[in-house]
Amino acid sequence: MNKYEINIYEQIAKNIKKYRKQVGITQADLAERIGVSHEFIRRNESKKGVKSFSVDTLWKISVALDIDPGKLFEIDMDEVIKANEK
């Protein structure tokens, strides 16, 4: 697999969850901070959920988590390769 075959929505979802946990807030807290439903955050962080986020929402998430928006697009290729080997 190369970097062009990666599902970017899944990567963003993993990063949202990772940074949300680092900050120490719940899905409900994040939802409240950015003005969306808890269900929206839960669905987008879920491995099975249909993911959809606007640029505006990604911006708000990055502000709420106090991270550079680019961090939401980070891809750990080693992790991706390991996941595809399973």
N, C-alpha and C. Protein backbone atom coordinates (compact mmCIF):
# COMPACT_ATOMS: atom_id res chain seq x y z
N MET A 1 0.85 -1.19 0.00
CA MET A 1 0.00 0.00 0.00
C MET A 1 0.88 1.24 0.00
N ASN A 2 0.49 2.21 -0.79
CA ASN A 2 1.24 3.46 -0.78
C ASN A 2 0.36 4.56 -0.20
N LYS A 3 0.96 5.71 0.00
CA LYS A 3 0.25 6.79 0.69
C LYS A 3 -0.96 7.32 -0.07
N TYR A 4 -1.06 7.03 -1.36
CA TYR A 4 -2.19 7.51 -2.14
C TYR A 4 -3.41 6.59 -2.02
N GLU A 5 -3.21 5.40 -1.45
CA GLU A 5 -4.30 4.44 -1.29
C GLU A 5 -4.92 4.48 0.10
N ILE A 6 -4.42 5.34 0.95
CA ILE A 6 -4.89 5.43 2.33
C ILE A 6 -6.24 6.14 2.39
N ASN A 7 -7.12 5.61 3.22
CA ASN A 7 -8.41 6.27 3.45
C ASN A 7 -8.15 7.43 4.42
N ILE A 8 -8.11 8.63 3.90
CA ILE A 8 -7.75 9.79 4.71
C ILE A 8 -8.78 10.07 5.79
N TYR A 9 -10.03 9.73 5.53
CA TYR A 9 -11.06 9.93 6.55
C TYR A 9 -10.78 9.06 7.77
N GLU A 10 -10.36 7.81 7.54
CA GLU A 10 -10.02 6.93 8.66
C GLU A 10 -8.81 7.46 9.43
N GLN A 11 -7.83 7.98 8.71
CA GLN A 11 -6.64 8.53 9.37
C GLN A 11 -6.99 9.75 10.21
N ILE A 12 -7.82 10.62 9.66
CA ILE A 12 -8.24 11.81 10.41
C ILE A 12 -8.99 11.38 11.66
N ALA A 13 -9.89 10.40 11.51
CA ALA A 13 -10.66 9.91 12.66
C ALA A 13 -9.74 9.37 13.75
N LYS A 14 -8.73 8.59 13.36
CA LYS A 14 -7.76 8.06 14.34
C LYS A 14 -7.03 9.20 15.03
N ASN A 15 -6.67 10.21 14.26
CA ASN A 15 -5.94 11.34 14.85
C ASN A 15 -6.82 12.17 15.77
N ILE A 16 -8.07 12.34 15.42
CA ILE A 16 -8.99 13.06 16.31
C ILE A 16 -9.05 12.34 17.65
N LYS A 17 -9.25 11.04 17.59
CA LYS A 17 -9.35 10.24 18.82
C LYS A 17 -8.05 10.30 19.61
N LYS A 18 -6.92 10.16 18.92
CA LYS A 18 -5.61 10.19 19.59
C LYS A 18 -5.38 11.51 20.33
N TYR A 19 -5.59 12.61 19.64
CA TYR A 19 -5.33 13.91 20.26
C TYR A 19 -6.40 14.27 21.30
N ARG A 20 -7.63 13.81 21.08
CA ARG A 20 -8.68 14.05 22.08
C ARG A 20 -8.30 13.36 23.39
N LYS A 21 -7.81 12.13 23.28
CA LYS A 21 -7.42 11.39 24.49
C LYS A 21 -6.20 12.02 25.15
N GLN A 22 -5.26 12.53 24.33
CA GLN A 22 -4.08 13.19 24.90
C GLN A 22 -4.48 14.42 25.71
N VAL A 23 -5.48 15.14 25.22
CA VAL A 23 -5.96 16.33 25.92
C VAL A 23 -6.76 15.93 27.16
N GLY A 24 -7.32 14.72 27.12
CA GLY A 24 -8.06 14.22 28.27
C GLY A 24 -9.51 14.65 28.31
N ILE A 25 -10.12 14.76 27.12
CA ILE A 25 -11.54 15.11 27.09
C ILE A 25 -12.34 13.97 26.46
N THR A 26 -13.62 13.94 26.78
CA THR A 26 -14.50 12.92 26.24
C THR A 26 -15.02 13.35 24.87
N GLN A 27 -15.65 12.39 24.19
CA GLN A 27 -16.31 12.72 22.92
C GLN A 27 -17.38 13.78 23.15
N ALA A 28 -18.10 13.66 24.25
CA ALA A 28 -19.15 14.64 24.55
C ALA A 28 -18.57 16.03 24.79
N ASP A 29 -17.43 16.09 25.47
CA ASP A 29 -16.76 17.38 25.70
C ASP A 29 -16.35 18.02 24.37
N LEU A 30 -15.75 17.22 23.50
CA LEU A 30 -15.32 17.74 22.21
C LEU A 30 -16.52 18.21 21.40
N ALA A 31 -17.58 17.41 21.41
CA ALA A 31 -18.79 17.78 20.67
C ALA A 31 -19.33 19.12 21.16
N GLU A 32 -19.39 19.28 22.46
CA GLU A 32 -19.90 20.53 23.02
C GLU A 32 -19.01 21.71 22.64
N ARG A 33 -17.71 21.52 22.67
CA ARG A 33 -16.78 22.61 22.34
C ARG A 33 -16.94 23.10 20.90
N ILE A 34 -17.24 22.16 19.99
CA ILE A 34 -17.29 22.56 18.58
C ILE A 34 -18.71 22.72 18.05
N GLY A 35 -19.71 22.47 18.91
CA GLY A 35 -21.09 22.70 18.52
C GLY A 35 -21.71 21.63 17.64
N VAL A 36 -21.33 20.37 17.88
CA VAL A 36 -21.95 19.25 17.16
C VAL A 36 -22.48 18.26 18.19
N SER A 37 -23.18 17.25 17.72
CA SER A 37 -23.72 16.25 18.64
C SER A 37 -22.64 15.25 19.05
N HIS A 38 -22.84 14.65 20.22
CA HIS A 38 -21.95 13.58 20.67
C HIS A 38 -21.96 12.45 19.65
N GLU A 39 -23.12 12.18 19.08
CA GLU A 39 -23.26 11.13 18.07
C GLU A 39 -22.37 11.40 16.87
N PHE A 40 -22.25 12.65 16.47
CA PHE A 40 -21.38 13.01 15.34
C PHE A 40 -19.94 12.63 15.63
N ILE A 41 -19.45 12.96 16.80
CA ILE A 41 -18.07 12.62 17.16
C ILE A 41 -17.92 11.11 17.27
N ARG A 42 -18.86 10.45 17.95
CA ARG A 42 -18.80 9.00 18.11
C ARG A 42 -18.77 8.30 16.76
N ARG A 43 -19.65 8.69 15.87
CA ARG A 43 -19.73 8.08 14.54
C ARG A 43 -18.44 8.29 13.74
N ASN A 44 -17.89 9.49 13.84
CA ASN A 44 -16.68 9.77 13.06
C ASN A 44 -15.44 9.10 13.63
N GLU A 45 -15.40 8.87 14.94
CA GLU A 45 -14.27 8.16 15.54
C GLU A 45 -14.39 6.65 15.40
N SER A 46 -15.58 6.16 15.15
CA SER A 46 -15.81 4.72 15.05
C SER A 46 -15.12 4.14 13.83
N LYS A 47 -14.61 2.92 13.98
CA LYS A 47 -13.99 2.24 12.85
C LYS A 47 -15.02 1.87 11.79
N LYS A 48 -16.27 1.68 12.21
CA LYS A 48 -17.31 1.25 11.29
C LYS A 48 -18.19 2.40 10.80
N GLY A 49 -18.13 3.51 11.47
CA GLY A 49 -19.01 4.63 11.13
C GLY A 49 -18.66 5.30 9.81
N VAL A 50 -19.66 5.88 9.20
CA VAL A 50 -19.45 6.66 7.98
C VAL A 50 -18.86 7.99 8.41
N LYS A 51 -17.74 8.34 7.83
CA LYS A 51 -17.05 9.55 8.24
C LYS A 51 -17.31 10.68 7.26
N SER A 52 -17.59 11.82 7.81
CA SER A 52 -17.74 13.01 6.97
C SER A 52 -17.49 14.23 7.84
N PHE A 53 -16.54 15.03 7.41
CA PHE A 53 -16.28 16.27 8.12
C PHE A 53 -15.96 17.35 7.12
N SER A 54 -16.38 18.54 7.46
CA SER A 54 -16.06 19.68 6.61
C SER A 54 -14.74 20.28 7.07
N VAL A 55 -14.17 21.11 6.24
CA VAL A 55 -12.95 21.82 6.61
C VAL A 55 -13.21 22.67 7.84
N ASP A 56 -14.37 23.28 7.90
CA ASP A 56 -14.75 24.11 9.04
C ASP A 56 -14.76 23.27 10.33
N THR A 57 -15.31 22.08 10.26
CA THR A 57 -15.36 21.21 11.44
C THR A 57 -13.96 20.78 11.84
N LEU A 58 -13.13 20.44 10.88
CA LEU A 58 -11.75 20.05 11.20
C LEU A 58 -11.00 21.20 11.87
N TRP A 59 -11.25 22.41 11.38
CA TRP A 59 -10.63 23.59 11.99
C TRP A 59 -11.07 23.73 13.45
N LYS A 60 -12.37 23.62 13.68
CA LYS A 60 -12.90 23.74 15.04
C LYS A 60 -12.34 22.65 15.96
N ILE A 61 -12.21 21.44 15.43
CA ILE A 61 -11.64 20.35 16.23
C ILE A 61 -10.20 20.66 16.60
N SER A 62 -9.43 21.15 15.64
CA SER A 62 -8.02 21.47 15.93
C SER A 62 -7.91 22.58 16.97
N VAL A 63 -8.80 23.56 16.90
CA VAL A 63 -8.81 24.64 17.89
C VAL A 63 -9.19 24.08 19.26
N ALA A 64 -10.23 23.25 19.30
CA ALA A 64 -10.69 22.67 20.57
C ALA A 64 -9.62 21.79 21.21
N LEU A 65 -8.81 21.12 20.37
CA LEU A 65 -7.76 20.24 20.89
C LEU A 65 -6.43 20.97 21.05
N ASP A 66 -6.41 22.23 20.65
CA ASP A 66 -5.21 23.07 20.72
C ASP A 66 -4.03 22.44 19.99
N ILE A 67 -4.31 22.01 18.75
CA ILE A 67 -3.26 21.43 17.90
C ILE A 67 -3.28 22.12 16.54
N ASP A 68 -2.18 22.01 15.85
CA ASP A 68 -2.10 22.49 14.47
C ASP A 68 -3.03 21.64 13.62
N PRO A 69 -3.84 22.22 12.74
CA PRO A 69 -4.76 21.44 11.92
C PRO A 69 -4.07 20.33 11.12
N GLY A 70 -2.84 20.56 10.74
CA GLY A 70 -2.09 19.56 9.98
C GLY A 70 -1.91 18.25 10.72
N LYS A 71 -1.93 18.30 12.05
CA LYS A 71 -1.78 17.07 12.84
C LYS A 71 -2.92 16.10 12.59
N LEU A 72 -4.07 16.61 12.19
CA LEU A 72 -5.19 15.74 11.91
C LEU A 72 -4.98 14.92 10.64
N PHE A 73 -4.05 15.36 9.79
CA PHE A 73 -3.77 14.67 8.53
C PHE A 73 -2.53 13.78 8.59
N GLU A 74 -1.91 13.67 9.76
CA GLU A 74 -0.70 12.86 9.89
C GLU A 74 -0.98 11.40 9.55
N ILE A 75 -0.02 10.79 8.88
CA ILE A 75 -0.13 9.37 8.52
C ILE A 75 1.11 8.66 9.00
N ASP A 76 0.91 7.64 9.82
CA ASP A 76 2.00 6.79 10.28
C ASP A 76 2.02 5.57 9.36
N MET A 77 2.90 5.59 8.35
CA MET A 77 2.93 4.53 7.36
C MET A 77 3.23 3.17 7.98
N ASP A 78 4.06 3.13 9.01
CA ASP A 78 4.34 1.85 9.68
C ASP A 78 3.05 1.25 10.24
N GLU A 79 2.24 2.10 10.85
CA GLU A 79 0.96 1.65 11.41
C GLU A 79 0.02 1.17 10.31
N VAL A 80 -0.01 1.88 9.21
CA VAL A 80 -0.88 1.51 8.09
C VAL A 80 -0.45 0.16 7.52
N ILE A 81 0.84 -0.04 7.36
CA ILE A 81 1.35 -1.30 6.81
C ILE A 81 1.02 -2.45 7.74
N LYS A 82 1.23 -2.27 9.04
CA LYS A 82 0.91 -3.32 10.02
C LYS A 82 -0.57 -3.67 9.99
N ALA A 83 -1.42 -2.66 9.90
CA ALA A 83 -2.86 -2.89 9.87
C ALA A 83 -3.27 -3.68 8.65
N ASN A 84 -2.60 -3.47 7.53
CA ASN A 84 -2.95 -4.17 6.29
C ASN A 84 -2.39 -5.59 6.24
N GLU A 85 -1.44 -5.88 7.11
CA GLU A 85 -0.87 -7.22 7.17
C GLU A 85 -1.78 -8.18 7.91
N LYS A 86 -2.71 -7.64 8.70
CA LYS A 86 -3.61 -8.49 9.50
C LYS A 86 -4.66 -9.15 8.67
